[in-house]
Amino acid sequence: MIAVNAFLCAFAIIQNVGIRSMEHQMEHRHWQDWVTGLVGLWLIASPFVLDFSLGEGTSTTLLMANFLVCGGLALILAASALAAFRNWEEWIAVALGVWLAASPWLLAFSTAQTAAWNTVICGVIIAALATWTLYDESSAGHA
């Protein structure tokens, strides 16, 4: 519930900061950003929902921080892209997705299969959706 409220607050704040007309903003809203927001919510919830069965030497604190920070960042990026689309938001989402996909090995939790697969799948989804949005925008001549 807290994550949903944070997403809605971030969306409202960013919406008020934007100077573009409502018509222009609506033209640049992508369904992919809504899905990225949902993936962000899942990243925040998943450590509490799934059993990660961490092996010896795996830092629970580091793992939780990775999920919570990356999930929060995905929510913020999705909200900002929905409020006022900018290409840089999608490029950051691509980088976030790549980080998530690589983080099981970089943060040494690849032996925790559930956590590793969850992170890789979420990272691939976020990176693929952001790449798709960038492609749509460049194809439409908006980039």
N, C-alpha and C. Protein backbone atom coordinates (compact mmCIF):
# COMPACT_ATOMS: atom_id res chain seq x y z
N MET A 1 0.83 -1.19 0.00
CA MET A 1 0.00 0.00 0.00
C MET A 1 0.87 1.26 0.00
N ILE A 2 1.95 1.20 0.78
CA ILE A 2 2.85 2.35 0.85
C ILE A 2 3.47 2.61 -0.52
N ALA A 3 3.86 1.54 -1.21
CA ALA A 3 4.48 1.69 -2.53
C ALA A 3 3.49 2.30 -3.52
N VAL A 4 2.23 1.91 -3.45
CA VAL A 4 1.22 2.47 -4.35
C VAL A 4 1.04 3.95 -4.07
N ASN A 5 0.98 4.32 -2.79
CA ASN A 5 0.86 5.74 -2.43
C ASN A 5 2.07 6.53 -2.89
N ALA A 6 3.27 5.95 -2.75
CA ALA A 6 4.48 6.63 -3.20
C ALA A 6 4.44 6.84 -4.71
N PHE A 7 3.98 5.84 -5.46
CA PHE A 7 3.86 5.94 -6.91
C PHE A 7 2.89 7.05 -7.29
N LEU A 8 1.73 7.08 -6.64
CA LEU A 8 0.73 8.10 -6.95
C LEU A 8 1.20 9.50 -6.57
N CYS A 9 1.91 9.62 -5.43
CA CYS A 9 2.44 10.92 -5.03
C CYS A 9 3.51 11.40 -6.01
N ALA A 10 4.41 10.50 -6.40
CA ALA A 10 5.45 10.87 -7.37
C ALA A 10 4.82 11.29 -8.68
N PHE A 11 3.79 10.57 -9.11
CA PHE A 11 3.10 10.91 -10.35
C PHE A 11 2.46 12.29 -10.25
N ALA A 12 1.80 12.58 -9.12
CA ALA A 12 1.13 13.88 -8.93
C ALA A 12 2.14 15.02 -8.90
N ILE A 13 3.25 14.81 -8.21
CA ILE A 13 4.27 15.86 -8.12
C ILE A 13 4.87 16.14 -9.49
N ILE A 14 5.24 15.11 -10.19
CA ILE A 14 5.85 15.28 -11.50
C ILE A 14 4.85 15.90 -12.47
N GLN A 15 3.58 15.50 -12.36
CA GLN A 15 2.53 16.04 -13.23
C GLN A 15 2.42 17.55 -13.04
N ASN A 16 2.49 18.02 -11.80
CA ASN A 16 2.36 19.44 -11.51
C ASN A 16 3.58 20.23 -11.96
N VAL A 17 4.73 19.60 -12.00
CA VAL A 17 5.96 20.28 -12.40
C VAL A 17 5.99 20.47 -13.92
N GLY A 18 5.41 19.53 -14.65
CA GLY A 18 5.44 19.60 -16.11
C GLY A 18 4.76 20.84 -16.66
N ILE A 19 5.32 21.40 -17.73
CA ILE A 19 4.78 22.61 -18.32
C ILE A 19 4.05 22.31 -19.61
N ARG A 20 4.16 21.11 -20.12
CA ARG A 20 3.54 20.76 -21.39
C ARG A 20 2.01 20.76 -21.29
N SER A 21 1.39 20.93 -22.42
CA SER A 21 -0.08 20.86 -22.44
C SER A 21 -0.53 19.44 -22.19
N MET A 22 -1.77 19.29 -21.71
CA MET A 22 -2.30 17.96 -21.41
C MET A 22 -2.36 17.11 -22.67
N GLU A 23 -2.71 17.71 -23.79
CA GLU A 23 -2.80 16.95 -25.04
C GLU A 23 -1.44 16.40 -25.43
N HIS A 24 -0.41 17.21 -25.28
CA HIS A 24 0.95 16.77 -25.62
C HIS A 24 1.39 15.64 -24.69
N GLN A 25 1.06 15.76 -23.40
CA GLN A 25 1.44 14.73 -22.45
C GLN A 25 0.72 13.42 -22.75
N MET A 26 -0.55 13.48 -23.07
CA MET A 26 -1.32 12.27 -23.35
C MET A 26 -0.76 11.54 -24.57
N GLU A 27 -0.26 12.32 -25.52
CA GLU A 27 0.30 11.76 -26.74
C GLU A 27 1.55 10.91 -26.45
N HIS A 28 2.25 11.22 -25.37
CA HIS A 28 3.51 10.55 -25.05
C HIS A 28 3.39 9.56 -23.91
N ARG A 29 2.20 9.16 -23.56
CA ARG A 29 2.04 8.13 -22.52
C ARG A 29 2.06 6.77 -23.19
N HIS A 30 2.81 5.89 -22.60
CA HIS A 30 2.99 4.55 -23.16
C HIS A 30 2.53 3.51 -22.16
N TRP A 31 1.88 2.46 -22.65
CA TRP A 31 1.45 1.38 -21.77
C TRP A 31 2.64 0.70 -21.11
N GLN A 32 3.79 0.75 -21.77
CA GLN A 32 4.99 0.11 -21.24
C GLN A 32 5.39 0.71 -19.89
N ASP A 33 5.13 2.02 -19.72
CA ASP A 33 5.48 2.67 -18.46
C ASP A 33 4.60 2.19 -17.31
N TRP A 34 3.33 1.88 -17.61
CA TRP A 34 2.46 1.31 -16.58
C TRP A 34 2.99 -0.06 -16.16
N VAL A 35 3.42 -0.85 -17.11
CA VAL A 35 3.95 -2.18 -16.79
C VAL A 35 5.24 -2.05 -15.98
N THR A 36 6.09 -1.10 -16.34
CA THR A 36 7.31 -0.86 -15.57
C THR A 36 6.97 -0.50 -14.12
N GLY A 37 5.94 0.30 -13.93
CA GLY A 37 5.50 0.63 -12.58
C GLY A 37 5.04 -0.60 -11.82
N LEU A 38 4.32 -1.48 -12.50
CA LEU A 38 3.88 -2.73 -11.85
C LEU A 38 5.06 -3.63 -11.50
N VAL A 39 6.05 -3.68 -12.39
CA VAL A 39 7.25 -4.47 -12.10
C VAL A 39 7.98 -3.87 -10.89
N GLY A 40 8.01 -2.53 -10.81
CA GLY A 40 8.60 -1.87 -9.65
C GLY A 40 7.89 -2.25 -8.36
N LEU A 41 6.56 -2.27 -8.41
CA LEU A 41 5.79 -2.70 -7.24
C LEU A 41 6.12 -4.15 -6.87
N TRP A 42 6.23 -5.00 -7.89
CA TRP A 42 6.56 -6.40 -7.64
C TRP A 42 7.95 -6.53 -7.01
N LEU A 43 8.92 -5.74 -7.50
CA LEU A 43 10.27 -5.80 -6.93
C LEU A 43 10.25 -5.43 -5.44
N ILE A 44 9.43 -4.46 -5.07
CA ILE A 44 9.33 -4.06 -3.67
C ILE A 44 8.64 -5.15 -2.85
N ALA A 45 7.61 -5.76 -3.40
CA ALA A 45 6.83 -6.76 -2.66
C ALA A 45 7.48 -8.14 -2.63
N SER A 46 8.22 -8.49 -3.68
CA SER A 46 8.70 -9.87 -3.82
C SER A 46 9.55 -10.41 -2.67
N PRO A 47 10.42 -9.63 -2.03
CA PRO A 47 11.17 -10.20 -0.91
C PRO A 47 10.26 -10.64 0.25
N PHE A 48 9.09 -10.04 0.33
CA PHE A 48 8.16 -10.37 1.41
C PHE A 48 7.19 -11.48 1.00
N VAL A 49 7.07 -11.71 -0.31
CA VAL A 49 6.12 -12.69 -0.84
C VAL A 49 6.81 -14.02 -1.15
N LEU A 50 8.00 -13.96 -1.72
CA LEU A 50 8.72 -15.17 -2.13
C LEU A 50 9.70 -15.62 -1.07
N ASP A 51 9.99 -16.90 -1.04
CA ASP A 51 11.00 -17.45 -0.15
C ASP A 51 12.32 -17.49 -0.92
N PHE A 52 13.26 -16.63 -0.54
CA PHE A 52 14.50 -16.53 -1.28
C PHE A 52 15.56 -17.53 -0.86
N SER A 53 15.42 -18.22 0.24
CA SER A 53 16.36 -19.26 0.69
C SER A 53 17.81 -18.91 0.35
N LEU A 54 18.32 -17.95 1.07
CA LEU A 54 19.67 -17.46 0.80
C LEU A 54 20.72 -18.40 1.35
N GLY A 55 21.76 -18.59 0.57
CA GLY A 55 22.86 -19.44 0.99
C GLY A 55 23.82 -18.71 1.90
N GLU A 56 24.82 -19.43 2.37
CA GLU A 56 25.85 -18.83 3.22
C GLU A 56 26.62 -17.78 2.43
N GLY A 57 26.94 -16.71 3.11
CA GLY A 57 27.71 -15.65 2.47
C GLY A 57 26.88 -14.65 1.69
N THR A 58 25.57 -14.85 1.63
CA THR A 58 24.71 -13.92 0.91
C THR A 58 24.16 -12.90 1.90
N SER A 59 24.34 -11.65 1.61
CA SER A 59 23.89 -10.58 2.49
C SER A 59 22.40 -10.30 2.28
N THR A 60 21.62 -10.57 3.32
CA THR A 60 20.19 -10.30 3.26
C THR A 60 19.94 -8.80 3.12
N THR A 61 20.73 -8.00 3.81
CA THR A 61 20.56 -6.55 3.77
C THR A 61 20.83 -6.02 2.37
N LEU A 62 21.89 -6.48 1.76
CA LEU A 62 22.23 -6.04 0.41
C LEU A 62 21.17 -6.48 -0.60
N LEU A 63 20.69 -7.70 -0.45
CA LEU A 63 19.65 -8.22 -1.33
C LEU A 63 18.36 -7.39 -1.20
N MET A 64 17.94 -7.14 0.04
CA MET A 64 16.73 -6.34 0.28
C MET A 64 16.90 -4.93 -0.28
N ALA A 65 18.05 -4.34 -0.04
CA ALA A 65 18.31 -2.98 -0.55
C ALA A 65 18.21 -2.95 -2.07
N ASN A 66 18.77 -3.96 -2.72
CA ASN A 66 18.72 -4.03 -4.18
C ASN A 66 17.27 -4.07 -4.67
N PHE A 67 16.46 -4.93 -4.06
CA PHE A 67 15.06 -5.04 -4.47
C PHE A 67 14.28 -3.75 -4.19
N LEU A 68 14.44 -3.20 -3.00
CA LEU A 68 13.66 -2.02 -2.61
C LEU A 68 14.08 -0.78 -3.39
N VAL A 69 15.39 -0.57 -3.53
CA VAL A 69 15.88 0.62 -4.25
C VAL A 69 15.53 0.52 -5.74
N CYS A 70 15.79 -0.63 -6.34
CA CYS A 70 15.48 -0.78 -7.77
C CYS A 70 13.98 -0.73 -8.03
N GLY A 71 13.19 -1.31 -7.14
CA GLY A 71 11.74 -1.23 -7.28
C GLY A 71 11.24 0.20 -7.16
N GLY A 72 11.78 0.93 -6.18
CA GLY A 72 11.40 2.34 -6.01
C GLY A 72 11.82 3.18 -7.21
N LEU A 73 13.01 2.92 -7.73
CA LEU A 73 13.49 3.65 -8.90
C LEU A 73 12.61 3.35 -10.12
N ALA A 74 12.21 2.09 -10.29
CA ALA A 74 11.32 1.73 -11.40
C ALA A 74 9.98 2.47 -11.27
N LEU A 75 9.46 2.57 -10.05
CA LEU A 75 8.21 3.31 -9.82
C LEU A 75 8.35 4.78 -10.17
N ILE A 76 9.45 5.38 -9.72
CA ILE A 76 9.68 6.80 -10.00
C ILE A 76 9.86 7.04 -11.50
N LEU A 77 10.63 6.19 -12.16
CA LEU A 77 10.82 6.34 -13.61
C LEU A 77 9.51 6.19 -14.36
N ALA A 78 8.69 5.21 -13.96
CA ALA A 78 7.40 5.01 -14.62
C ALA A 78 6.49 6.22 -14.41
N ALA A 79 6.43 6.71 -13.18
CA ALA A 79 5.58 7.87 -12.88
C ALA A 79 6.05 9.11 -13.65
N SER A 80 7.36 9.33 -13.70
CA SER A 80 7.86 10.51 -14.40
C SER A 80 7.64 10.39 -15.91
N ALA A 81 7.78 9.19 -16.46
CA ALA A 81 7.55 9.00 -17.89
C ALA A 81 6.07 9.19 -18.23
N LEU A 82 5.20 8.76 -17.34
CA LEU A 82 3.77 8.94 -17.58
C LEU A 82 3.36 10.40 -17.45
N ALA A 83 4.02 11.13 -16.55
CA ALA A 83 3.67 12.52 -16.32
C ALA A 83 4.19 13.43 -17.44
N ALA A 84 5.43 13.24 -17.82
CA ALA A 84 6.04 14.09 -18.84
C ALA A 84 7.18 13.30 -19.48
N PHE A 85 6.91 12.68 -20.60
CA PHE A 85 7.88 11.79 -21.25
C PHE A 85 9.14 12.52 -21.64
N ARG A 86 10.27 11.88 -21.30
CA ARG A 86 11.59 12.33 -21.74
C ARG A 86 12.37 11.06 -22.10
N ASN A 87 13.18 11.14 -23.14
CA ASN A 87 13.98 9.98 -23.55
C ASN A 87 14.94 9.51 -22.46
N TRP A 88 15.50 10.44 -21.70
CA TRP A 88 16.48 10.06 -20.69
C TRP A 88 15.88 9.13 -19.64
N GLU A 89 14.58 9.27 -19.38
CA GLU A 89 13.93 8.38 -18.40
C GLU A 89 13.98 6.93 -18.89
N GLU A 90 13.78 6.75 -20.17
CA GLU A 90 13.81 5.41 -20.74
C GLU A 90 15.23 4.85 -20.75
N TRP A 91 16.21 5.71 -21.01
CA TRP A 91 17.60 5.25 -21.00
C TRP A 91 18.02 4.82 -19.59
N ILE A 92 17.55 5.54 -18.58
CA ILE A 92 17.83 5.14 -17.20
C ILE A 92 17.14 3.81 -16.91
N ALA A 93 15.93 3.63 -17.43
CA ALA A 93 15.21 2.36 -17.24
C ALA A 93 15.97 1.20 -17.90
N VAL A 94 16.55 1.45 -19.07
CA VAL A 94 17.36 0.41 -19.72
C VAL A 94 18.54 0.04 -18.81
N ALA A 95 19.23 1.05 -18.29
CA ALA A 95 20.37 0.80 -17.40
C ALA A 95 19.92 0.06 -16.13
N LEU A 96 18.77 0.44 -15.59
CA LEU A 96 18.23 -0.24 -14.42
C LEU A 96 17.96 -1.71 -14.73
N GLY A 97 17.36 -1.97 -15.89
CA GLY A 97 17.09 -3.35 -16.28
C GLY A 97 18.36 -4.17 -16.43
N VAL A 98 19.38 -3.58 -17.03
CA VAL A 98 20.67 -4.27 -17.19
C VAL A 98 21.28 -4.54 -15.82
N TRP A 99 21.24 -3.55 -14.93
CA TRP A 99 21.75 -3.75 -13.57
C TRP A 99 21.01 -4.91 -12.88
N LEU A 100 19.68 -4.89 -12.95
CA LEU A 100 18.90 -5.94 -12.31
C LEU A 100 19.27 -7.32 -12.86
N ALA A 101 19.41 -7.42 -14.17
CA ALA A 101 19.73 -8.71 -14.79
C ALA A 101 21.12 -9.20 -14.37
N ALA A 102 22.04 -8.29 -14.14
CA ALA A 102 23.40 -8.67 -13.76
C ALA A 102 23.61 -8.76 -12.25
N SER A 103 22.74 -8.16 -11.47
CA SER A 103 22.96 -8.05 -10.02
C SER A 103 23.07 -9.37 -9.26
N PRO A 104 22.42 -10.45 -9.68
CA PRO A 104 22.63 -11.69 -8.92
C PRO A 104 24.11 -12.13 -8.88
N TRP A 105 24.84 -11.85 -9.93
CA TRP A 105 26.26 -12.22 -9.98
C TRP A 105 27.13 -11.13 -9.38
N LEU A 106 26.75 -9.88 -9.60
CA LEU A 106 27.54 -8.77 -9.06
C LEU A 106 27.41 -8.65 -7.54
N LEU A 107 26.24 -9.02 -7.01
CA LEU A 107 26.01 -8.94 -5.57
C LEU A 107 26.07 -10.31 -4.89
N ALA A 108 26.48 -11.32 -5.63
CA ALA A 108 26.72 -12.68 -5.12
C ALA A 108 25.50 -13.34 -4.49
N PHE A 109 24.34 -13.24 -5.18
CA PHE A 109 23.19 -14.02 -4.71
C PHE A 109 22.64 -14.91 -5.82
N SER A 110 23.50 -15.25 -6.77
CA SER A 110 23.07 -16.10 -7.88
C SER A 110 22.72 -17.52 -7.45
N THR A 111 23.21 -17.96 -6.28
CA THR A 111 22.88 -19.30 -5.79
C THR A 111 21.48 -19.36 -5.19
N ALA A 112 20.93 -18.21 -4.85
CA ALA A 112 19.54 -18.15 -4.37
C ALA A 112 18.65 -18.09 -5.61
N GLN A 113 18.30 -19.25 -6.12
CA GLN A 113 17.64 -19.37 -7.42
C GLN A 113 16.39 -18.50 -7.57
N THR A 114 15.51 -18.50 -6.58
CA THR A 114 14.28 -17.72 -6.68
C THR A 114 14.58 -16.23 -6.79
N ALA A 115 15.46 -15.75 -5.93
CA ALA A 115 15.83 -14.33 -5.95
C ALA A 115 16.52 -13.97 -7.27
N ALA A 116 17.43 -14.83 -7.70
CA ALA A 116 18.18 -14.56 -8.93
C ALA A 116 17.25 -14.52 -10.14
N TRP A 117 16.40 -15.54 -10.30
CA TRP A 117 15.49 -15.56 -11.44
C TRP A 117 14.51 -14.40 -11.40
N ASN A 118 14.01 -14.08 -10.22
CA ASN A 118 13.08 -12.96 -10.08
C ASN A 118 13.74 -11.66 -10.55
N THR A 119 14.97 -11.46 -10.12
CA THR A 119 15.70 -10.24 -10.47
C THR A 119 16.00 -10.18 -11.96
N VAL A 120 16.47 -11.28 -12.52
CA VAL A 120 16.81 -11.31 -13.95
C VAL A 120 15.56 -11.07 -14.80
N ILE A 121 14.47 -11.74 -14.48
CA ILE A 121 13.23 -11.57 -15.26
C ILE A 121 12.72 -10.14 -15.18
N CYS A 122 12.71 -9.57 -13.98
CA CYS A 122 12.26 -8.18 -13.84
C CYS A 122 13.18 -7.23 -14.61
N GLY A 123 14.48 -7.47 -14.55
CA GLY A 123 15.43 -6.63 -15.28
C GLY A 123 15.23 -6.70 -16.78
N VAL A 124 15.03 -7.90 -17.29
CA VAL A 124 14.81 -8.06 -18.74
C VAL A 124 13.51 -7.37 -19.16
N ILE A 125 12.47 -7.51 -18.36
CA ILE A 125 11.19 -6.85 -18.67
C ILE A 125 11.36 -5.34 -18.72
N ILE A 126 11.99 -4.77 -17.69
CA ILE A 126 12.16 -3.31 -17.63
C ILE A 126 13.00 -2.82 -18.80
N ALA A 127 14.13 -3.48 -19.08
CA ALA A 127 15.00 -3.05 -20.18
C ALA A 127 14.30 -3.20 -21.53
N ALA A 128 13.59 -4.30 -21.72
CA ALA A 128 12.91 -4.52 -23.00
C ALA A 128 11.80 -3.49 -23.22
N LEU A 129 11.03 -3.20 -22.18
CA LEU A 129 9.94 -2.22 -22.32
C LEU A 129 10.48 -0.82 -22.59
N ALA A 130 11.55 -0.45 -21.91
CA ALA A 130 12.15 0.87 -22.15
C ALA A 130 12.72 0.97 -23.56
N THR A 131 13.36 -0.09 -24.03
CA THR A 131 13.89 -0.12 -25.39
C THR A 131 12.76 -0.02 -26.40
N TRP A 132 11.68 -0.73 -26.15
CA TRP A 132 10.50 -0.69 -27.02
C TRP A 132 9.94 0.74 -27.09
N THR A 133 9.83 1.39 -25.94
CA THR A 133 9.32 2.76 -25.91
C THR A 133 10.23 3.70 -26.68
N LEU A 134 11.54 3.56 -26.50
CA LEU A 134 12.49 4.40 -27.25
C LEU A 134 12.36 4.17 -28.75
N TYR A 135 12.17 2.92 -29.14
CA TYR A 135 12.00 2.60 -30.56
C TYR A 135 10.70 3.22 -31.09
N ASP A 136 9.62 3.09 -30.32
CA ASP A 136 8.33 3.69 -30.73
C ASP A 136 8.46 5.20 -30.92
N GLU A 137 9.14 5.84 -29.98
CA GLU A 137 9.28 7.30 -30.05
C GLU A 137 10.16 7.71 -31.23
N SER A 138 11.24 6.97 -31.50
CA SER A 138 12.10 7.34 -32.63
C SER A 138 11.41 7.05 -33.96
N SER A 139 10.60 6.00 -34.00
CA SER A 139 9.86 5.66 -35.23
C SER A 139 8.80 6.69 -35.55
N ALA A 140 8.22 7.26 -34.49
CA ALA A 140 7.16 8.24 -34.66
C ALA A 140 7.73 9.63 -34.92
N GLY A 141 9.04 9.76 -34.87
CA GLY A 141 9.66 11.08 -35.13
C GLY A 141 9.63 12.00 -33.94
N HIS A 142 9.45 11.45 -32.74
CA HIS A 142 9.39 12.28 -31.54
C HIS A 142 10.72 12.37 -30.82
N ALA A 143 11.68 11.56 -31.19
CA ALA A 143 12.93 11.50 -30.42
C ALA A 143 13.85 12.64 -30.71
